[in-house]
Amino acid sequence: MKLITAIVKPFKLDDVREALAEVGIQGITVTEVKGFGRQKGHTELYRGAEYVVDFLPKVKLEIAVEDGHAETVVDAITKSAQTGKIGDGKIFISELEQVIRIRTGETGSDAV
């Protein structure tokens, strides 16, 4: 099994969620996060004072899938989150050793 972690722009969340639903993903975990990469933040003007925004708001998605579905999920995220501009985000794919559904005790792909 794989854990797919994607960092995307907040306004793309609904597009990504819809794309994942179309490929049959039933559950995702979403966290509001802040960070920066090559984008490096920017300066803003607030009440006449200029200040630097070092960490930009992003959304972190975590999706557990069977090995065979990983590529489909990555394609769905990539196509739906892409704007073509810097700061579109990243996708990380990790190996999942074990998954357990707390309510029933099911393990592996049955737990997802």
Protein backbone atom coordinates (compact mmCIF):
# COMPACT_ATOMS: atom_id res chain seq x y z
CA MET A 1 0.00 0.00 0.00
CA LYS A 2 1.04 3.61 -0.56
CA LEU A 3 0.51 6.85 1.34
CA ILE A 4 0.20 9.74 -1.08
CA THR A 5 0.84 13.15 0.47
CA ALA A 6 0.11 16.17 -1.70
CA ILE A 7 0.72 19.84 -0.91
CA VAL A 8 -1.46 22.08 -3.09
CA LYS A 9 -2.78 25.62 -3.27
CA PRO A 10 -5.87 26.10 -1.05
CA PHE A 11 -8.15 27.30 -3.85
CA LYS A 12 -7.49 24.03 -5.74
CA LEU A 13 -8.83 21.81 -2.93
CA ASP A 14 -12.35 21.42 -4.36
CA ASP A 15 -11.00 20.61 -7.84
CA VAL A 16 -8.67 17.97 -6.40
CA ARG A 17 -11.41 16.47 -4.22
CA GLU A 18 -13.73 16.16 -7.23
CA ALA A 19 -10.97 14.59 -9.35
CA LEU A 20 -10.23 12.06 -6.61
CA ALA A 21 -13.93 11.20 -6.28
CA GLU A 22 -14.07 10.56 -10.04
CA VAL A 23 -11.26 7.97 -9.76
CA GLY A 24 -12.99 6.23 -6.85
CA ILE A 25 -11.15 7.61 -3.81
CA GLN A 26 -13.54 7.59 -0.87
CA GLY A 27 -11.44 9.08 1.91
CA ILE A 28 -8.80 11.76 2.29
CA THR A 29 -7.33 13.66 5.19
CA VAL A 30 -6.95 17.42 4.70
CA THR A 31 -4.79 19.71 6.82
CA GLU A 32 -4.22 23.45 6.44
CA VAL A 33 -0.47 24.05 6.49
CA LYS A 34 2.03 26.81 5.77
CA GLY A 35 5.34 26.56 4.02
CA PHE A 36 7.53 27.70 1.18
CA GLY A 37 9.68 26.28 -1.58
CA ARG A 38 11.07 28.09 -4.56
CA GLN A 39 8.24 30.59 -4.19
CA LYS A 40 10.00 31.93 -1.05
CA GLY A 41 7.05 34.02 0.13
CA HIS A 42 6.33 37.62 -0.77
CA THR A 43 5.87 41.09 0.70
CA GLU A 44 2.48 42.61 1.45
CA LEU A 45 1.26 46.02 2.46
CA TYR A 46 -0.96 46.25 5.56
CA ARG A 47 -2.11 49.60 6.98
CA GLY A 48 0.75 51.37 5.29
CA ALA A 49 3.43 49.03 6.61
CA GLU A 50 5.21 46.53 4.41
CA TYR A 51 5.88 43.08 5.83
CA VAL A 52 7.23 39.80 4.53
CA VAL A 53 5.06 36.70 4.34
CA ASP A 54 7.64 33.92 4.68
CA PHE A 55 5.24 31.00 4.92
CA LEU A 56 2.46 30.70 2.36
CA PRO A 57 -0.86 28.95 3.09
CA LYS A 58 -1.16 25.50 1.51
CA VAL A 59 -3.35 22.43 1.91
CA LYS A 60 -1.91 19.02 2.72
CA LEU A 61 -3.82 15.95 1.48
CA GLU A 62 -3.09 12.44 2.70
CA ILE A 63 -4.54 9.46 0.85
CA ALA A 64 -3.90 5.77 1.54
CA VAL A 65 -4.31 3.60 -1.57
CA GLU A 66 -3.48 0.15 -2.85
CA ASP A 67 -0.30 -0.02 -4.95
CA GLY A 68 -2.25 -0.38 -8.20
CA HIS A 69 -4.21 2.85 -7.64
CA ALA A 70 -1.26 5.11 -6.79
CA GLU A 71 -0.50 6.22 -10.35
CA THR A 72 -4.17 7.02 -11.07
CA VAL A 73 -4.41 9.10 -7.88
CA VAL A 74 -1.19 10.98 -8.67
CA ASP A 75 -2.44 11.75 -12.20
CA ALA A 76 -5.77 13.03 -10.84
CA ILE A 77 -4.05 15.30 -8.32
CA THR A 78 -1.52 16.58 -10.83
CA LYS A 79 -4.10 17.46 -13.48
CA SER A 80 -6.56 19.07 -11.08
CA ALA A 81 -4.06 21.06 -8.97
CA GLN A 82 -1.85 22.36 -11.76
CA THR A 83 -1.98 26.07 -12.58
CA GLY A 84 1.33 26.23 -14.42
CA LYS A 85 2.67 28.82 -11.99
CA ILE A 86 5.30 28.55 -9.31
CA GLY A 87 3.97 27.22 -6.01
CA ASP A 88 1.61 24.58 -7.44
CA GLY A 89 2.91 22.13 -4.84
CA LYS A 90 4.42 18.68 -4.48
CA ILE A 91 3.34 15.04 -4.26
CA PHE A 92 5.16 12.55 -2.03
CA ILE A 93 4.60 8.79 -2.22
CA SER A 94 5.55 6.62 0.76
CA GLU A 95 5.28 2.93 1.45
CA LEU A 96 2.62 2.01 4.04
CA GLU A 97 3.64 -0.87 6.24
CA GLN A 98 0.26 -1.51 7.84
CA VAL A 99 -3.23 0.00 7.98
CA ILE A 100 -5.76 -0.85 10.69
CA ARG A 101 -9.40 0.26 10.92
CA ILE A 102 -9.96 1.02 14.59
CA ARG A 103 -13.71 0.29 14.63
CA THR A 104 -13.56 -3.23 13.15
CA GLY A 105 -9.93 -4.26 13.46
CA GLU A 106 -9.68 -4.83 9.69
CA THR A 107 -6.14 -4.59 8.33
CA GLY A 108 -4.43 -3.92 5.00
CA SER A 109 -6.45 -2.90 1.97
CA ASP A 110 -9.71 -3.89 3.75
CA ALA A 111 -9.07 -1.08 6.24
CA VAL A 112 -8.86 1.56 3.53
